[in-house]
């Protein structure tokens, strides 16, 4: 029994596997049959019927017969073969010859794919033929319209084309025979050959229609516009030369001659219908002509500037030199009362040297203007450079003059600041003297002495000759720092003294009722008399706050108000 069960299981597995594989093959057979039906249902006949609307002769007839025969062979011969093979696969499956069934299925798959590819080729060729016929018809009509328009333009404007008219006419003469050949090919059903004619005509048309549009413009430029511009520039150049403009550096006449010599060559190229290089050359000539106008206009504008600004710039230079000389004298006077650095004393000297150099350049320009042997554009640029240099020196002069003017103002300001600091320091000393204090700590006395000494240094500096305002400013800043610091320290000390007194008075109510209070108050009073105010405050504050929490904060507010009002 124990051997039968495994055998049964194996048999069951085998049987199930066989049926699974059979089902798989039946599914594959159905799939292949559907692919075959898909090929049979392709709209080949519908597409072939469209071809009958064309002229059924020549290429069209030949292609139609080939496609129809191929389709007929596929449907009547090949598809039945596929059916037989599918039936044979079913027999293999039913007989459990699954390996043979698999091989045959692969063969059928390959055949179906080949037939499908062949049908796709037929449909593609069909579409190409129909599209070619339609596209040919559209393009040939457009070419005929363009041809008629081009011929009309050529006949109506023969003068505008000059000698180029004849070769253009010859090129156009090739179009009518090509149109006739196209019509003949279409009637014969040779649509693909007709397409080649259209392509060739299109290529020729693009070139010749471009030439017909381009040549009149090029000839107008070569024969009329450019010569007129050259003549205008030449006359303008002569007129400006007679008005004493210096124009040799521009070399315009030579460049005009070069252009004039090239024009006949360009005209000859146009008559030969060789326009590509000519178009680029004409554009360059037009650019050059524009630059000639710009150069001449630049000289005119430069002359206007020179005529209007040369004398005023000379006056400005003379005034600036005079101002610098006066500034040097003023600096020498100021130096007797105030300290000026060596660099500051060099400012008027260096400015004078720079302006003398500018003066020399200006005088050379004056000679050039008088002799008229230099271009006004170069004189204009030189004047602008000199103007820039003079403006820079004028700015330096203004800054230095302001610096010297500010010395006296800063001295007065420094004296006022010194007086204010002295008053603030005296106020601090008065506060200390008025305070109920057994004396002043050595640290406070030292800070006051330090501040007094710094203010003495400031006063001494203000009475020196010459006064060094740079040092004075730094010393005043230092004095301000010292006085501010002593004010803060003394304010804090006086607040602490008042707070100590209030706390001792407040603590007296607990002197006899709180154990240890009397001893702490006596210790604080002793520290107070020894001028150890911070220690005294620490002792009494701790004692009072222990006896009555919150009392210290209340006393601090009261002291703050008292000191502020004082």
Protein backbone atom coordinates (compact mmCIF):
# COMPACT_ATOMS: atom_id res chain seq x y z
CA UNK A 1 0.00 0.00 0.00
CA UNK A 2 2.78 2.36 0.93
CA UNK A 3 4.24 2.00 -2.59
CA UNK A 4 0.95 2.56 -4.41
CA UNK A 5 0.29 6.07 -3.10
CA UNK A 6 3.53 7.65 -4.47
CA UNK A 7 2.92 5.99 -7.81
CA UNK A 8 -0.60 7.38 -7.93
CA UNK A 9 0.67 10.86 -7.05
CA UNK A 10 3.29 10.73 -9.78
CA UNK A 11 0.68 9.61 -12.29
CA UNK A 12 -1.65 12.41 -11.25
CA UNK A 13 1.12 15.00 -11.60
CA UNK A 14 2.00 13.63 -15.02
CA UNK A 15 -1.60 13.68 -16.21
CA UNK A 16 -2.16 17.23 -14.92
CA UNK A 17 1.07 18.38 -16.58
CA UNK A 18 0.06 16.83 -19.89
CA UNK A 19 -3.31 18.56 -19.84
CA UNK A 20 -1.70 21.88 -18.88
CA UNK A 21 0.68 21.65 -21.84
CA UNK A 22 -2.19 20.67 -24.15
CA UNK A 23 -4.14 23.71 -23.02
CA UNK A 24 -1.10 25.87 -23.61
CA UNK A 25 -0.77 24.57 -27.18
CA UNK A 26 -4.48 25.09 -27.88
CA UNK A 27 -4.08 28.68 -26.72
CA UNK A 28 -1.09 29.11 -29.05
CA UNK A 29 -3.08 27.62 -31.96
CA UNK A 30 -5.88 30.12 -31.32
CA UNK A 31 -3.38 32.97 -31.25
CA UNK A 32 -1.80 31.94 -34.56
CA UNK A 33 -5.21 31.52 -36.14
CA UNK A 34 -6.12 35.07 -35.05
CA UNK A 35 -2.91 36.46 -36.55
CA UNK A 36 -3.79 34.72 -39.81
CA UNK A 37 -7.26 36.29 -39.71
CA UNK A 38 -5.70 39.70 -39.04
CA UNK A 39 -3.72 39.38 -42.28
CA UNK A 40 -6.80 38.32 -44.23
CA UNK A 41 -8.70 41.32 -42.83
CA UNK A 42 -6.10 43.89 -43.90
CA UNK A 43 -7.75 46.52 -46.18
CA UNK A 44 -5.65 45.58 -49.19
CA UNK A 45 -8.61 45.20 -51.58
CA UNK A 46 -10.07 48.55 -50.46
CA UNK A 47 -6.74 50.25 -51.08
CA UNK A 48 -6.34 48.49 -54.44
CA UNK A 49 -9.74 49.79 -55.51
CA UNK A 50 -8.45 53.35 -55.00
CA UNK A 51 -5.72 52.75 -57.57
CA UNK A 52 -8.42 52.24 -60.23
CA UNK A 53 -9.16 55.97 -59.98
CA UNK A 54 -5.72 56.59 -61.54
CA UNK A 55 -4.78 56.16 -65.18
CA UNK A 56 -4.54 52.39 -65.32
CA UNK A 57 -1.61 52.03 -67.67
CA UNK A 58 2.17 52.02 -67.48
CA UNK A 59 3.62 51.89 -63.98
CA UNK A 60 0.23 52.17 -62.28
CA UNK A 61 -1.18 49.18 -64.17
CA UNK A 62 1.98 47.14 -63.65
CA UNK A 63 2.06 47.82 -59.92
CA UNK A 64 -1.69 47.18 -59.57
CA UNK A 65 -1.42 43.76 -61.24
CA UNK A 66 1.58 42.81 -59.13
CA UNK A 67 -0.15 43.79 -55.88
CA UNK A 68 -3.44 42.07 -56.81
CA UNK A 69 -1.66 38.87 -57.85
CA UNK A 70 0.30 38.82 -54.64
CA UNK A 71 -2.84 39.31 -52.56
CA UNK A 72 -4.74 36.65 -54.51
CA UNK A 73 -1.88 34.19 -54.06
CA UNK A 74 -1.78 34.90 -50.35
CA UNK A 75 -5.52 34.42 -49.83
CA UNK A 76 -6.09 31.52 -52.22
CA UNK A 77 -2.85 29.56 -51.77
CA UNK A 78 -0.87 30.56 -48.71
CA UNK A 79 -3.69 30.97 -46.21
CA UNK A 80 -5.11 27.44 -46.90
CA UNK A 81 -1.59 26.09 -46.31
CA UNK A 82 -1.59 27.84 -42.94
CA UNK A 83 -4.97 26.26 -42.15
CA UNK A 84 -3.58 22.79 -42.98
CA UNK A 85 -0.56 23.36 -40.79
CA UNK A 86 -2.74 24.52 -37.88
CA UNK A 87 -4.88 21.39 -38.27
CA UNK A 88 -1.72 19.30 -38.24
CA UNK A 89 -0.61 21.00 -35.00
CA UNK A 90 -3.94 20.09 -33.42
CA UNK A 91 -3.41 16.44 -34.38
CA UNK A 92 0.05 16.47 -32.80
CA UNK A 93 -1.41 17.92 -29.61
CA UNK A 94 -4.24 15.42 -29.49
CA UNK A 95 -1.69 12.61 -29.90
CA UNK A 96 0.47 14.21 -27.19
CA UNK A 97 3.27 14.78 -29.69
CA UNK A 98 3.94 18.10 -28.01
CA UNK A 99 7.52 18.55 -29.19
CA UNK A 100 6.49 18.23 -32.86
CA UNK A 101 3.61 20.62 -32.17
CA UNK A 102 6.01 23.22 -30.78
CA UNK A 103 8.32 23.00 -33.81
CA UNK A 104 5.41 23.34 -36.22
CA UNK A 105 3.96 26.30 -34.26
CA UNK A 106 7.28 28.14 -34.62
CA UNK A 107 7.27 27.45 -38.37
CA UNK A 108 3.70 28.77 -38.71
CA UNK A 109 4.64 31.89 -36.67
CA UNK A 110 7.51 32.62 -39.05
CA UNK A 111 5.33 32.13 -42.16
CA UNK A 112 2.61 34.42 -40.80
CA UNK A 113 5.15 37.12 -39.96
CA UNK A 114 6.61 36.92 -43.49
CA UNK A 115 3.15 37.21 -45.08
CA UNK A 116 2.29 40.11 -42.77
CA UNK A 117 5.48 41.92 -43.77
CA UNK A 118 4.69 41.39 -47.47
CA UNK A 119 1.21 42.86 -47.01
CA UNK A 120 2.65 45.87 -45.17
CA UNK A 121 5.00 46.47 -48.10
CA UNK A 122 2.05 46.37 -50.51
CA UNK A 123 0.07 48.86 -48.38
CA UNK A 124 3.10 51.14 -48.09
CA UNK A 125 3.68 51.11 -51.86
CA UNK A 126 -0.03 51.73 -52.42
CA UNK A 127 0.04 54.77 -50.14
CA UNK A 128 3.21 56.08 -51.78
CA UNK A 129 1.62 55.81 -55.22
CA UNK A 130 -1.58 57.59 -54.16
CA UNK A 131 0.30 60.27 -52.23
CA UNK A 132 2.71 60.77 -55.13
CA UNK A 133 -0.16 61.34 -57.54
CA UNK A 134 -1.80 63.86 -55.20
CA UNK A 135 1.45 65.62 -54.26
CA UNK A 136 2.60 65.71 -57.89
CA UNK A 137 -0.66 67.38 -58.89
CA UNK A 138 -0.35 70.06 -56.17
CA UNK A 139 3.34 70.78 -56.78
CA UNK A 140 3.08 70.89 -60.57
CA UNK A 141 0.27 73.45 -60.35
CA UNK A 142 2.38 75.58 -58.02
CA UNK A 143 5.35 75.29 -60.36
CA UNK A 144 3.20 76.33 -63.31
CA UNK A 145 1.95 79.37 -61.36
CA UNK A 146 5.50 80.30 -60.38
CA UNK A 147 6.67 79.83 -63.96
CA UNK A 148 3.91 82.07 -65.34
CA UNK A 149 4.65 84.72 -62.71
CA UNK A 150 8.39 84.57 -63.40
CA UNK A 151 7.95 84.82 -67.15
CA UNK A 152 5.54 87.71 -66.75
CA UNK A 153 8.02 89.54 -64.52
CA UNK A 154 10.85 88.89 -66.95
CA UNK A 155 8.89 90.20 -69.95
CA UNK A 156 7.41 93.20 -68.14
CA UNK A 157 10.71 94.37 -66.62
CA UNK A 158 13.34 93.46 -69.20
CA UNK A 159 15.26 96.68 -68.52
CA UNK A 160 15.65 95.76 -64.85
CA UNK A 161 17.33 92.48 -65.79
CA UNK A 162 19.67 93.89 -68.43
CA UNK A 163 21.98 91.34 -70.00
CA UNK A 164 20.88 88.76 -67.43
CA UNK A 165 17.45 88.58 -69.10
CA UNK A 166 18.58 86.32 -71.96
CA UNK A 167 20.11 83.49 -69.85
CA UNK A 168 17.11 83.68 -67.52
CA UNK A 169 14.80 83.31 -70.52
CA UNK A 170 16.75 80.27 -71.69
CA UNK A 171 16.39 78.63 -68.30
CA UNK A 172 12.66 79.29 -68.28
CA UNK A 173 12.33 77.73 -71.75
CA UNK A 174 13.15 74.36 -70.21
CA UNK A 175 9.96 74.40 -68.14
CA UNK A 176 7.16 73.96 -70.78
CA UNK A 177 8.68 70.76 -72.26
CA UNK A 178 9.05 69.40 -68.74
CA UNK A 179 5.41 70.22 -68.01
CA UNK A 180 4.39 68.35 -71.18
CA UNK A 181 6.56 65.40 -70.21
CA UNK A 182 4.93 65.37 -66.78
CA UNK A 183 1.45 65.34 -68.31
CA UNK A 184 2.49 62.54 -70.66
CA UNK A 185 3.87 60.43 -67.81
CA UNK A 186 0.72 61.00 -65.78
CA UNK A 187 -1.55 59.98 -68.67
CA UNK A 188 0.57 56.87 -69.15
CA UNK A 189 0.17 56.04 -65.47
CA UNK A 190 3.91 56.49 -64.81
CA UNK A 191 3.38 58.44 -61.60
CA UNK A 192 6.78 57.66 -60.08
CA UNK A 193 8.60 58.95 -63.17
CA UNK A 194 6.30 61.99 -63.08
CA UNK A 195 7.40 62.55 -59.48
CA UNK A 196 11.06 62.63 -60.57
CA UNK A 197 10.18 65.34 -63.11
CA UNK A 198 8.46 67.37 -60.37
CA UNK A 199 11.48 67.04 -58.09
CA UNK A 200 13.84 68.17 -60.85
CA UNK A 201 11.59 71.11 -61.80
CA UNK A 202 11.32 72.14 -58.17
CA UNK A 203 15.12 72.26 -57.80
CA UNK A 204 15.45 74.31 -60.99
CA UNK A 205 12.57 76.55 -59.92
CA UNK A 206 14.03 77.39 -56.53
CA UNK A 207 17.20 78.64 -58.20
CA UNK A 208 15.69 80.54 -61.14
CA UNK A 209 12.85 82.12 -59.15
CA UNK A 210 15.43 83.30 -56.60
CA UNK A 211 17.49 84.84 -59.40
CA UNK A 212 14.46 86.62 -60.86
CA UNK A 213 13.69 88.15 -57.47
CA UNK A 214 17.31 88.97 -56.68
CA UNK A 215 18.88 90.22 -59.91
CA UNK A 216 16.90 93.48 -60.37
CA UNK A 217 17.83 94.55 -56.85
CA UNK A 218 21.51 93.67 -57.36
CA UNK A 219 21.68 95.51 -60.70
CA UNK A 220 19.96 98.55 -59.20
CA UNK A 221 22.56 98.60 -56.42
CA UNK A 222 25.48 98.08 -58.83
CA UNK A 223 24.36 100.48 -61.56
CA UNK A 224 22.58 103.23 -59.62
CA UNK A 225 22.48 103.27 -55.82
CA UNK A 226 26.12 102.46 -55.08
CA UNK A 227 27.54 104.83 -57.76
CA UNK A 228 25.23 107.58 -56.44
CA UNK A 229 26.43 106.98 -52.87
CA UNK A 230 30.07 106.93 -54.00
CA UNK A 231 29.59 110.20 -55.85
CA UNK A 232 27.86 111.75 -52.84
CA UNK A 233 30.65 110.68 -50.50
CA UNK A 234 33.33 111.89 -52.94
CA UNK A 235 31.68 115.31 -53.25
CA UNK A 236 31.27 115.54 -49.49
CA UNK A 237 34.91 114.64 -49.02
CA UNK A 238 35.99 117.34 -51.50
CA UNK A 239 33.74 119.93 -49.86
CA UNK A 240 35.04 119.13 -46.38
CA UNK A 241 38.64 119.24 -47.59
CA UNK A 242 38.00 122.71 -49.03
CA UNK A 243 36.66 123.69 -45.60
CA UNK A 244 40.06 122.75 -44.11
CA UNK A 245 39.05 119.38 -42.69
CA UNK A 246 42.02 117.04 -42.39
CA UNK A 247 40.85 113.73 -43.90
CA UNK A 248 43.99 112.08 -45.27
CA UNK A 249 44.02 109.46 -42.52
CA UNK A 250 40.62 108.13 -43.67
CA UNK A 251 41.88 107.26 -47.20
CA UNK A 252 38.32 107.53 -48.47
CA UNK A 253 39.09 108.47 -52.14
CA UNK A 254 41.31 105.40 -52.54
CA UNK A 255 38.64 103.14 -51.06
CA UNK A 256 35.98 104.67 -53.32
CA UNK A 257 38.19 103.99 -56.35
CA UNK A 258 38.59 100.35 -55.31
CA UNK A 259 34.82 99.92 -55.09
CA UNK A 260 34.23 101.59 -58.47
CA UNK A 261 36.74 99.24 -60.11
CA UNK A 262 34.90 96.20 -58.69
CA UNK A 263 31.40 97.18 -59.84
CA UNK A 264 31.84 96.18 -63.56
CA UNK A 265 33.12 92.77 -62.45
CA UNK A 266 30.11 92.28 -60.18
CA UNK A 267 27.77 93.34 -62.98
CA UNK A 268 29.34 90.78 -65.32
CA UNK A 269 28.90 88.04 -62.72
CA UNK A 270 25.22 88.94 -62.35
CA UNK A 271 24.68 88.71 -66.13
CA UNK A 272 26.14 85.20 -65.88
CA UNK A 273 23.63 84.48 -63.11
CA UNK A 274 26.47 84.02 -60.59
CA UNK A 275 24.92 86.01 -57.76
CA UNK A 276 25.89 84.25 -54.53
CA UNK A 277 29.29 85.90 -54.09
CA UNK A 278 28.01 89.17 -55.55
CA UNK A 279 25.23 89.44 -52.96
CA UNK A 280 27.71 89.08 -50.12
CA UNK A 281 30.08 91.59 -51.75
CA UNK A 282 27.30 94.17 -52.27
CA UNK A 283 26.26 93.88 -48.63
CA UNK A 284 29.87 94.51 -47.59
CA UNK A 285 30.08 97.54 -49.90
CA UNK A 286 26.89 98.96 -48.40
CA UNK A 287 28.37 98.45 -44.93
CA UNK A 288 31.56 100.23 -46.03
CA UNK A 289 29.55 103.11 -47.50
CA UNK A 290 27.68 103.51 -44.21
CA UNK A 291 31.01 103.58 -42.40
CA UNK A 292 32.31 106.32 -44.77
CA UNK A 293 29.27 108.45 -43.99
CA UNK A 294 29.81 107.80 -40.28
CA UNK A 295 33.50 108.77 -40.47
CA UNK A 296 32.77 112.03 -42.26
CA UNK A 297 29.93 112.82 -39.88
CA UNK A 298 32.25 112.06 -36.97
CA UNK A 299 34.70 114.68 -38.26
CA UNK A 300 31.90 117.25 -38.62
CA UNK A 301 30.64 116.59 -35.08
CA UNK A 302 34.20 116.69 -33.76
CA UNK A 303 34.82 120.09 -35.43
CA UNK A 304 31.64 121.46 -33.89
CA UNK A 305 32.80 120.29 -30.47
CA UNK A 306 36.31 121.70 -30.94
CA UNK A 307 35.03 125.06 -32.18
CA UNK A 308 32.60 125.33 -29.26
CA UNK A 309 34.80 123.98 -26.45
CA UNK A 310 38.44 124.68 -27.28
CA UNK A 311 38.50 128.29 -25.95
CA UNK A 312 36.40 127.53 -22.82
CA UNK A 313 38.66 124.60 -21.96
CA UNK A 314 41.66 126.92 -22.24
CA UNK A 315 40.02 129.40 -19.85
CA UNK A 316 39.12 126.57 -17.49
CA UNK A 317 42.75 125.41 -17.53
CA UNK A 318 44.08 128.92 -16.80
CA UNK A 319 41.63 129.37 -13.92
CA UNK A 320 42.51 125.97 -12.50
CA UNK A 321 46.24 126.72 -12.61
CA UNK A 322 45.58 130.01 -10.82
CA UNK A 323 43.44 128.25 -8.21
CA UNK A 324 46.19 125.69 -7.59
CA UNK A 325 48.77 128.46 -7.16
CA UNK A 326 46.49 130.20 -4.67
CA UNK A 327 45.90 126.89 -2.90
CA UNK A 328 49.66 126.42 -2.52
CA UNK A 329 49.97 129.85 -0.90
CA UNK A 330 47.02 129.11 1.37
CA UNK A 331 48.56 125.76 2.34
CA UNK A 332 51.81 127.48 3.33
CA UNK A 333 49.82 129.87 5.55
CA UNK A 334 47.69 127.16 7.10
CA UNK A 335 50.77 125.06 7.82
CA UNK A 336 51.94 127.72 10.27
CA UNK A 337 48.85 127.18 12.43
CA UNK A 338 47.97 123.56 11.73
CA UNK A 339 49.91 120.40 11.15
CA UNK A 340 49.74 119.18 7.54
CA UNK A 341 51.28 115.87 6.48
CA UNK A 342 53.97 115.71 3.86
CA UNK A 343 51.53 113.94 1.54
CA UNK A 344 49.00 116.75 1.98
CA UNK A 345 51.61 119.41 1.23
CA UNK A 346 52.47 117.57 -2.00
CA UNK A 347 48.88 117.84 -3.30
CA UNK A 348 49.10 121.40 -4.73
CA UNK A 349 52.65 120.75 -5.98
CA UNK A 350 51.68 117.56 -7.84
CA UNK A 351 48.50 119.17 -9.17
CA UNK A 352 50.48 122.09 -10.53
CA UNK A 353 52.89 119.71 -12.27
CA UNK A 354 49.98 117.76 -13.78
CA UNK A 355 48.28 120.94 -14.97
CA UNK A 356 51.51 122.21 -16.52
CA UNK A 357 51.65 118.94 -18.48
CA UNK A 358 48.02 119.47 -19.54
CA UNK A 359 48.89 123.03 -20.55
CA UNK A 360 51.70 121.81 -22.81
CA UNK A 361 49.37 119.33 -24.49
CA UNK A 362 46.72 122.02 -24.87
CA UNK A 363 49.21 124.38 -26.50
CA UNK A 364 50.23 121.65 -28.96
CA UNK A 365 46.56 121.16 -29.80
CA UNK A 366 46.21 124.89 -30.34
CA UNK A 367 48.95 124.71 -32.97
CA UNK A 368 47.23 121.73 -34.64
CA UNK A 369 43.90 123.56 -34.69
CA UNK A 370 45.52 126.65 -36.18
CA UNK A 371 47.51 124.77 -38.82
CA UNK A 372 44.62 122.36 -39.55
CA UNK A 373 46.92 119.43 -40.15
CA UNK A 374 45.25 117.03 -37.74
CA UNK A 375 41.90 115.31 -37.80
CA UNK A 376 39.25 116.99 -35.70
CA UNK A 377 38.27 113.57 -34.36
CA UNK A 378 41.74 113.08 -32.83
CA UNK A 379 41.72 116.66 -31.47
CA UNK A 380 38.28 115.97 -30.03
CA UNK A 381 39.50 112.83 -28.27
CA UNK A 382 42.56 114.66 -26.92
CA UNK A 383 40.39 117.49 -25.61
CA UNK A 384 38.14 115.00 -23.84
CA UNK A 385 41.19 113.42 -22.21
CA UNK A 386 42.50 116.84 -21.09
CA UNK A 387 39.06 117.75 -19.77
CA UNK A 388 39.03 114.52 -17.76
CA UNK A 389 42.47 115.22 -16.28
CA UNK A 390 41.48 118.80 -15.37
CA UNK A 391 38.29 117.58 -13.71
CA UNK A 392 40.35 115.13 -11.65
CA UNK A 393 42.71 117.89 -10.50
CA UNK A 394 39.77 120.20 -9.77
CA UNK A 395 38.28 117.47 -7.59
CA UNK A 396 41.59 117.03 -5.72
CA UNK A 397 41.82 120.80 -5.23
CA UNK A 398 38.26 120.98 -3.88
CA UNK A 399 38.89 118.14 -1.43
CA UNK A 400 42.16 119.69 -0.19
CA UNK A 401 40.60 123.15 0.10
CA UNK A 402 37.75 121.65 2.13
CA UNK A 403 40.32 119.88 4.29
CA UNK A 404 42.10 123.14 5.11
CA UNK A 405 38.82 124.97 5.66
CA UNK A 406 37.69 122.26 8.06
CA UNK A 407 40.82 122.58 10.20
CA UNK A 408 39.63 125.81 11.83
CA UNK A 409 36.10 124.43 12.19
CA UNK A 410 37.45 121.24 13.75
CA UNK A 411 39.63 123.28 16.12
CA UNK A 412 36.59 125.23 17.36
CA UNK A 413 34.63 122.00 17.60
CA UNK A 414 37.49 120.42 19.56
CA UNK A 415 37.56 123.30 22.04
CA UNK A 416 33.80 123.03 22.52
CA UNK A 417 34.10 119.28 23.07
CA UNK A 418 36.92 119.83 25.60
CA UNK A 419 34.80 122.35 27.53
CA UNK A 420 31.86 119.94 27.58
CA UNK A 421 34.04 117.09 28.86
CA UNK A 422 35.53 119.31 31.56
CA UNK A 423 32.03 120.28 32.71
CA UNK A 424 30.96 116.64 32.83
CA UNK A 425 34.03 115.72 34.90
CA UNK A 426 33.45 118.63 37.30
CA UNK A 427 29.83 117.50 37.67
CA UNK A 428 31.05 114.05 38.67
CA UNK A 429 33.38 115.57 41.27
CA UNK A 430 30.54 117.71 42.66
CA UNK A 431 28.31 114.64 42.97
CA UNK A 432 31.02 112.88 44.97
CA UNK A 433 31.59 115.89 47.25
CA UNK A 434 27.84 116.30 47.90
CA UNK A 435 27.33 112.61 48.64
CA UNK A 436 27.12 111.32 52.23
CA UNK A 437 30.29 109.27 51.98
CA UNK A 438 33.21 108.79 54.35
CA UNK A 439 35.60 109.25 51.42
CA UNK A 440 36.42 108.25 47.85
CA UNK A 441 37.96 104.88 46.97
CA UNK A 442 41.44 104.99 45.47
CA UNK A 443 40.19 103.39 42.23
CA UNK A 444 37.72 106.27 41.72
CA UNK A 445 40.38 108.87 42.47
CA UNK A 446 42.73 107.18 40.00
CA UNK A 447 40.08 107.18 37.25
CA UNK A 448 39.28 110.85 37.85
CA UNK A 449 42.98 111.71 37.71
CA UNK A 450 43.35 109.72 34.49
CA UNK A 451 40.44 111.62 32.89
CA UNK A 452 41.80 114.99 34.08
CA UNK A 453 45.21 114.13 32.65
CA UNK A 454 43.68 113.18 29.28
CA UNK A 455 41.73 116.46 29.12
CA UNK A 456 44.94 118.29 29.98
CA UNK A 457 46.61 116.59 26.99
CA UNK A 458 43.76 117.77 24.74
CA UNK A 459 44.04 121.33 26.05
CA UNK A 460 47.78 121.30 25.57
CA UNK A 461 47.40 120.05 21.99
CA UNK A 462 44.91 122.80 21.17
CA UNK A 463 47.40 125.42 22.38
CA UNK A 464 50.33 124.05 20.38
CA UNK A 465 51.50 125.69 17.15
CA UNK A 466 51.01 124.16 14.66
CA UNK A 467 47.99 122.21 15.86
CA UNK A 468 47.83 118.56 14.86
CA UNK A 469 44.10 118.10 14.41
CA UNK A 470 44.48 114.39 13.70
CA UNK A 471 46.00 113.88 17.15
CA UNK A 472 43.47 116.25 18.74
CA UNK A 473 40.53 114.24 17.39
CA UNK A 474 42.02 110.98 18.71
CA UNK A 475 42.78 112.54 22.13
CA UNK A 476 39.26 113.97 22.44
CA UNK A 477 37.79 110.56 21.64
CA UNK A 478 39.98 109.03 24.34
CA UNK A 479 38.97 111.76 26.82
CA UNK A 480 35.30 111.15 26.02
CA UNK A 481 35.80 107.47 26.78
CA UNK A 482 37.49 108.20 30.15
CA UNK A 483 34.83 110.70 31.28
CA UNK A 484 31.98 108.39 30.27
CA UNK A 485 33.55 105.50 32.17
CA UNK A 486 34.04 107.57 35.37
CA UNK A 487 30.45 108.80 35.12
CA UNK A 488 29.17 105.25 35.04
CA UNK A 489 31.44 104.09 37.88
CA UNK A 490 30.61 107.04 40.14
CA UNK A 491 26.88 106.70 39.42
CA UNK A 492 27.06 103.05 40.44
CA UNK A 493 29.09 103.91 43.57
CA UNK A 494 26.60 106.59 44.69
CA UNK A 495 23.68 104.25 44.12
CA UNK A 496 25.41 101.61 46.24
CA UNK A 497 26.14 104.14 49.03
CA UNK A 498 22.53 105.27 49.16
CA UNK A 499 21.35 101.68 49.06
CA UNK A 500 23.70 100.74 51.93
CA UNK A 501 22.38 103.61 54.06
CA UNK A 502 18.75 102.72 53.37
CA UNK A 503 19.34 99.03 54.05
CA UNK A 504 21.12 99.78 57.35
CA UNK A 505 18.26 102.07 58.36
CA UNK A 506 15.74 99.41 57.33
CA UNK A 507 17.70 96.72 59.13
CA UNK A 508 17.73 98.67 62.40
CA UNK A 509 14.12 97.59 63.00
CA UNK A 510 15.34 94.00 63.13
CA UNK A 511 18.64 94.72 64.96
CA UNK A 512 17.35 93.54 68.34
CA UNK A 513 14.68 91.07 67.26
CA UNK A 514 16.52 88.96 64.71
CA UNK A 515 19.43 86.85 65.95
CA UNK A 516 22.75 87.87 64.34
CA UNK A 517 21.28 91.01 62.73
CA UNK A 518 23.19 93.40 65.01
CA UNK A 519 26.51 91.72 64.28
CA UNK A 520 25.92 91.79 60.49
CA UNK A 521 24.94 95.47 60.56
CA UNK A 522 28.03 96.36 62.63
CA UNK A 523 30.21 94.46 60.12
CA UNK A 524 28.58 96.32 57.20
CA UNK A 525 29.07 99.71 58.92
CA UNK A 526 32.74 98.95 59.47
CA UNK A 527 33.23 97.97 55.81
CA UNK A 528 31.40 101.19 54.79
CA UNK A 529 33.77 103.33 56.88
CA UNK A 530 36.73 101.51 55.31
CA UNK A 531 35.39 102.57 51.85
CA UNK A 532 34.72 98.93 50.96
CA UNK A 533 31.29 99.78 49.63
CA UNK A 534 30.74 96.60 47.60
CA UNK A 535 31.52 94.42 50.64
CA UNK A 536 29.29 96.53 52.89
CA UNK A 537 26.42 96.23 50.38
CA UNK A 538 26.85 92.49 50.13
CA UNK A 539 26.69 92.03 53.96
CA UNK A 540 23.73 94.31 54.69
CA UNK A 541 21.73 93.17 51.65
CA UNK A 542 22.05 89.53 52.66
CA UNK A 543 21.05 90.32 56.25
CA UNK A 544 17.99 92.42 55.38
CA UNK A 545 16.79 90.06 52.63
CA UNK A 546 17.04 87.17 55.11
CA UNK A 547 14.98 89.09 57.66
CA UNK A 548 12.43 90.34 55.12
CA UNK A 549 12.44 88.78 51.63
CA UNK A 550 11.76 91.37 48.87
CA UNK A 551 13.07 94.32 50.89
CA UNK A 552 16.24 94.58 48.76
CA UNK A 553 14.30 95.01 45.51
CA UNK A 554 12.10 97.72 47.09
CA UNK A 555 15.15 99.61 48.37
CA UNK A 556 16.86 99.46 44.93
CA UNK A 557 13.85 101.13 43.26
CA UNK A 558 13.81 103.87 45.89
CA UNK A 559 17.54 104.52 45.49
CA UNK A 560 17.26 104.61 41.67
CA UNK A 561 14.56 107.28 41.87
CA UNK A 562 16.57 109.31 44.38
CA UNK A 563 19.79 109.26 42.31
CA UNK A 564 17.93 110.07 39.09
CA UNK A 565 16.22 113.08 40.66
CA UNK A 566 19.48 114.20 42.18
